[in-house]
Amino acid sequence: MPGFIMKFFYFDNAATTAVDPKVLSVMRPYFNQKFGNASEMHFAGQEARRAIEEARGKVATFLHANPDEIIFTGSATESINLAHNPDF
């Protein structure tokens, strides 16, 4: 149909959502160049660890929290389980 523009609306953001372009530009090096395991002592791991700690500090500052109060998890399930842990 000439002149017809199809728009895409995604309403399942609870499951997944697009990454903001600003976030993607900052994260891109960690997807394909600086992908070391942050738990390891080698250079790549330590570089990843520094990036995580820098991000933790930025989030803490934004939330007016202490960096040790910021915990990154890999999934909603992990976050929920952590929140329900009475020993936490």
N, C-alpha and C. Protein backbone atom coordinates (compact mmCIF):
# COMPACT_ATOMS: atom_id res chain seq x y z
N MET A 1 0.85 -1.17 0.00
CA MET A 1 0.00 0.00 0.00
C MET A 1 0.90 1.24 0.00
N PRO A 2 0.85 2.06 -1.00
CA PRO A 2 1.71 3.26 -1.07
C PRO A 2 1.45 4.21 0.09
N GLY A 3 2.55 4.72 0.66
CA GLY A 3 2.43 5.69 1.76
C GLY A 3 2.12 5.08 3.11
N PHE A 4 1.96 3.76 3.15
CA PHE A 4 1.64 3.10 4.41
C PHE A 4 2.93 2.85 5.20
N ILE A 5 2.96 3.29 6.44
CA ILE A 5 4.11 3.07 7.31
C ILE A 5 3.69 2.15 8.43
N MET A 6 4.37 1.05 8.54
CA MET A 6 4.04 0.09 9.60
C MET A 6 4.89 0.41 10.82
N LYS A 7 4.25 0.51 11.99
CA LYS A 7 4.95 0.77 13.23
C LYS A 7 4.96 -0.51 14.06
N PHE A 8 6.04 -0.68 14.78
CA PHE A 8 6.19 -1.85 15.63
C PHE A 8 6.05 -1.43 17.09
N PHE A 9 5.16 -2.06 17.81
CA PHE A 9 4.98 -1.80 19.23
C PHE A 9 5.27 -3.08 20.00
N TYR A 10 6.13 -2.97 20.97
CA TYR A 10 6.54 -4.14 21.76
C TYR A 10 6.07 -3.93 23.20
N PHE A 11 5.22 -4.80 23.69
CA PHE A 11 4.62 -4.62 25.02
C PHE A 11 5.08 -5.65 26.04
N ASP A 12 6.13 -6.38 25.77
CA ASP A 12 6.60 -7.41 26.70
C ASP A 12 7.91 -7.00 27.35
N ASN A 13 8.02 -5.75 27.77
CA ASN A 13 9.26 -5.26 28.35
C ASN A 13 9.59 -5.90 29.70
N ALA A 14 8.65 -6.61 30.28
CA ALA A 14 8.97 -7.33 31.52
C ALA A 14 9.92 -8.49 31.23
N ALA A 15 9.87 -9.03 30.03
CA ALA A 15 10.72 -10.16 29.66
C ALA A 15 12.04 -9.69 29.07
N THR A 16 11.98 -8.70 28.22
CA THR A 16 13.19 -8.16 27.59
C THR A 16 12.84 -6.82 26.97
N THR A 17 13.84 -6.04 26.73
CA THR A 17 13.62 -4.75 26.08
C THR A 17 14.87 -4.37 25.30
N ALA A 18 14.71 -3.45 24.39
CA ALA A 18 15.85 -2.99 23.61
C ALA A 18 16.82 -2.22 24.51
N VAL A 19 18.07 -2.29 24.18
CA VAL A 19 19.09 -1.56 24.92
C VAL A 19 19.14 -0.13 24.40
N ASP A 20 19.16 0.82 25.32
CA ASP A 20 19.27 2.22 24.93
C ASP A 20 20.56 2.42 24.14
N PRO A 21 20.52 3.19 23.05
CA PRO A 21 21.73 3.40 22.24
C PRO A 21 22.92 3.93 23.04
N LYS A 22 22.69 4.76 24.05
CA LYS A 22 23.80 5.28 24.87
C LYS A 22 24.45 4.15 25.66
N VAL A 23 23.62 3.26 26.19
CA VAL A 23 24.14 2.11 26.95
C VAL A 23 24.91 1.19 26.01
N LEU A 24 24.35 0.95 24.85
CA LEU A 24 25.01 0.07 23.88
C LEU A 24 26.38 0.60 23.49
N SER A 25 26.49 1.91 23.29
CA SER A 25 27.79 2.47 22.89
C SER A 25 28.83 2.31 23.99
N VAL A 26 28.41 2.41 25.24
CA VAL A 26 29.36 2.24 26.35
C VAL A 26 29.70 0.76 26.53
N MET A 27 28.73 -0.12 26.33
CA MET A 27 28.93 -1.55 26.56
C MET A 27 29.60 -2.28 25.39
N ARG A 28 29.53 -1.72 24.19
CA ARG A 28 30.03 -2.42 23.00
C ARG A 28 31.44 -3.00 23.18
N PRO A 29 32.41 -2.28 23.73
CA PRO A 29 33.74 -2.88 23.89
C PRO A 29 33.73 -4.13 24.78
N TYR A 30 32.80 -4.21 25.72
CA TYR A 30 32.76 -5.36 26.62
C TYR A 30 32.05 -6.55 25.98
N PHE A 31 31.39 -6.33 24.86
CA PHE A 31 30.76 -7.43 24.13
C PHE A 31 31.73 -8.09 23.16
N ASN A 32 32.72 -7.34 22.64
CA ASN A 32 33.56 -7.95 21.61
C ASN A 32 35.06 -7.69 21.76
N GLN A 33 35.50 -6.92 22.76
CA GLN A 33 36.94 -6.68 22.93
C GLN A 33 37.40 -6.91 24.37
N LYS A 34 36.68 -6.38 25.32
CA LYS A 34 37.08 -6.43 26.74
C LYS A 34 36.16 -7.36 27.50
N PHE A 35 36.13 -8.61 27.12
CA PHE A 35 35.15 -9.55 27.65
C PHE A 35 35.72 -10.51 28.69
N GLY A 36 36.71 -10.08 29.44
CA GLY A 36 37.33 -10.95 30.44
C GLY A 36 36.39 -11.28 31.60
N ASN A 37 36.67 -12.41 32.22
CA ASN A 37 35.91 -12.85 33.40
C ASN A 37 36.36 -12.01 34.59
N ALA A 38 35.47 -11.21 35.13
CA ALA A 38 35.81 -10.28 36.20
C ALA A 38 36.21 -10.97 37.50
N SER A 39 36.05 -12.26 37.58
CA SER A 39 36.46 -13.02 38.77
C SER A 39 37.88 -13.55 38.67
N GLU A 40 38.51 -13.34 37.53
CA GLU A 40 39.85 -13.88 37.30
C GLU A 40 40.93 -12.83 37.52
N MET A 41 42.14 -13.28 37.79
CA MET A 41 43.26 -12.38 38.09
C MET A 41 44.02 -11.90 36.85
N HIS A 42 43.78 -12.52 35.69
CA HIS A 42 44.51 -12.09 34.49
C HIS A 42 44.07 -10.69 34.07
N PHE A 43 44.85 -10.10 33.16
CA PHE A 43 44.62 -8.71 32.75
C PHE A 43 43.19 -8.46 32.28
N ALA A 44 42.69 -9.32 31.41
CA ALA A 44 41.34 -9.12 30.86
C ALA A 44 40.29 -9.16 31.97
N GLY A 45 40.48 -10.06 32.92
CA GLY A 45 39.54 -10.15 34.04
C GLY A 45 39.59 -8.92 34.92
N GLN A 46 40.78 -8.42 35.17
CA GLN A 46 40.92 -7.25 36.03
C GLN A 46 40.38 -6.00 35.35
N GLU A 47 40.52 -5.93 34.03
CA GLU A 47 39.95 -4.80 33.29
C GLU A 47 38.42 -4.82 33.39
N ALA A 48 37.84 -6.01 33.28
CA ALA A 48 36.39 -6.15 33.43
C ALA A 48 35.96 -5.81 34.85
N ARG A 49 36.74 -6.24 35.84
CA ARG A 49 36.43 -5.95 37.24
C ARG A 49 36.42 -4.43 37.49
N ARG A 50 37.41 -3.73 36.95
CA ARG A 50 37.46 -2.26 37.10
C ARG A 50 36.21 -1.61 36.50
N ALA A 51 35.79 -2.10 35.35
CA ALA A 51 34.61 -1.53 34.69
C ALA A 51 33.36 -1.76 35.53
N ILE A 52 33.25 -2.94 36.12
CA ILE A 52 32.10 -3.25 36.97
C ILE A 52 32.09 -2.34 38.20
N GLU A 53 33.24 -2.18 38.81
CA GLU A 53 33.31 -1.34 40.01
C GLU A 53 33.03 0.13 39.68
N GLU A 54 33.48 0.57 38.51
CA GLU A 54 33.17 1.94 38.09
C GLU A 54 31.66 2.10 37.88
N ALA A 55 31.04 1.12 37.25
CA ALA A 55 29.59 1.16 37.04
C ALA A 55 28.86 1.13 38.38
N ARG A 56 29.34 0.31 39.31
CA ARG A 56 28.73 0.22 40.64
C ARG A 56 28.78 1.59 41.33
N GLY A 57 29.91 2.26 41.22
CA GLY A 57 30.05 3.59 41.81
C GLY A 57 29.10 4.60 41.19
N LYS A 58 28.95 4.54 39.86
CA LYS A 58 28.04 5.47 39.18
C LYS A 58 26.59 5.23 39.59
N VAL A 59 26.20 3.97 39.68
CA VAL A 59 24.83 3.65 40.10
C VAL A 59 24.61 4.11 41.54
N ALA A 60 25.58 3.85 42.39
CA ALA A 60 25.47 4.25 43.79
C ALA A 60 25.33 5.77 43.91
N THR A 61 26.12 6.49 43.17
CA THR A 61 26.04 7.95 43.20
C THR A 61 24.66 8.42 42.75
N PHE A 62 24.17 7.83 41.67
CA PHE A 62 22.86 8.21 41.14
C PHE A 62 21.75 7.94 42.17
N LEU A 63 21.87 6.83 42.89
CA LEU A 63 20.84 6.43 43.86
C LEU A 63 21.10 6.98 45.27
N HIS A 64 22.18 7.75 45.43
CA HIS A 64 22.57 8.25 46.75
C HIS A 64 22.74 7.07 47.72
N ALA A 65 23.46 6.08 47.28
CA ALA A 65 23.71 4.87 48.06
C ALA A 65 25.21 4.66 48.19
N ASN A 66 25.58 3.67 48.96
CA ASN A 66 26.98 3.26 49.06
C ASN A 66 27.24 2.19 48.00
N PRO A 67 28.41 2.19 47.39
CA PRO A 67 28.69 1.18 46.36
C PRO A 67 28.51 -0.25 46.86
N ASP A 68 28.78 -0.51 48.13
CA ASP A 68 28.61 -1.89 48.62
C ASP A 68 27.14 -2.29 48.76
N GLU A 69 26.23 -1.36 48.55
CA GLU A 69 24.80 -1.67 48.57
C GLU A 69 24.28 -2.03 47.18
N ILE A 70 25.11 -1.87 46.16
CA ILE A 70 24.71 -2.13 44.77
C ILE A 70 25.16 -3.53 44.39
N ILE A 71 24.21 -4.36 44.04
CA ILE A 71 24.50 -5.74 43.64
C ILE A 71 23.96 -5.96 42.24
N PHE A 72 24.82 -6.36 41.33
CA PHE A 72 24.40 -6.67 39.98
C PHE A 72 24.09 -8.16 39.91
N THR A 73 22.97 -8.50 39.32
CA THR A 73 22.59 -9.90 39.14
C THR A 73 22.41 -10.18 37.66
N GLY A 74 22.38 -11.45 37.32
CA GLY A 74 22.28 -11.85 35.92
C GLY A 74 20.87 -12.05 35.42
N SER A 75 19.90 -12.02 36.32
CA SER A 75 18.53 -12.27 35.87
C SER A 75 17.54 -11.83 36.94
N ALA A 76 16.28 -11.74 36.53
CA ALA A 76 15.23 -11.40 37.49
C ALA A 76 15.11 -12.49 38.55
N THR A 77 15.22 -13.75 38.14
CA THR A 77 15.12 -14.85 39.09
C THR A 77 16.20 -14.75 40.16
N GLU A 78 17.40 -14.46 39.75
CA GLU A 78 18.49 -14.31 40.71
C GLU A 78 18.22 -13.13 41.66
N SER A 79 17.72 -12.04 41.13
CA SER A 79 17.40 -10.87 41.96
C SER A 79 16.30 -11.19 42.96
N ILE A 80 15.26 -11.86 42.51
CA ILE A 80 14.15 -12.21 43.39
C ILE A 80 14.63 -13.15 44.49
N ASN A 81 15.41 -14.15 44.13
CA ASN A 81 15.93 -15.08 45.13
C ASN A 81 16.81 -14.37 46.15
N LEU A 82 17.62 -13.43 45.69
CA LEU A 82 18.47 -12.66 46.58
C LEU A 82 17.63 -11.80 47.52
N ALA A 83 16.59 -11.18 46.99
CA ALA A 83 15.72 -10.33 47.80
C ALA A 83 14.97 -11.13 48.86
N HIS A 84 14.68 -12.38 48.57
CA HIS A 84 13.95 -13.23 49.51
C HIS A 84 14.86 -13.98 50.49
N ASN A 85 16.16 -13.77 50.37
CA ASN A 85 17.12 -14.45 51.24
C ASN A 85 17.15 -13.75 52.59
N PRO A 86 16.69 -14.40 53.67
CA PRO A 86 16.65 -13.75 54.98
C PRO A 86 18.04 -13.47 55.54
N ASP A 87 19.07 -14.14 55.03
CA ASP A 87 20.43 -13.91 55.53
C ASP A 87 21.12 -12.76 54.85
N PHE A 88 20.47 -12.17 53.85
CA PHE A 88 21.10 -11.09 53.09
C PHE A 88 21.03 -9.80 53.83
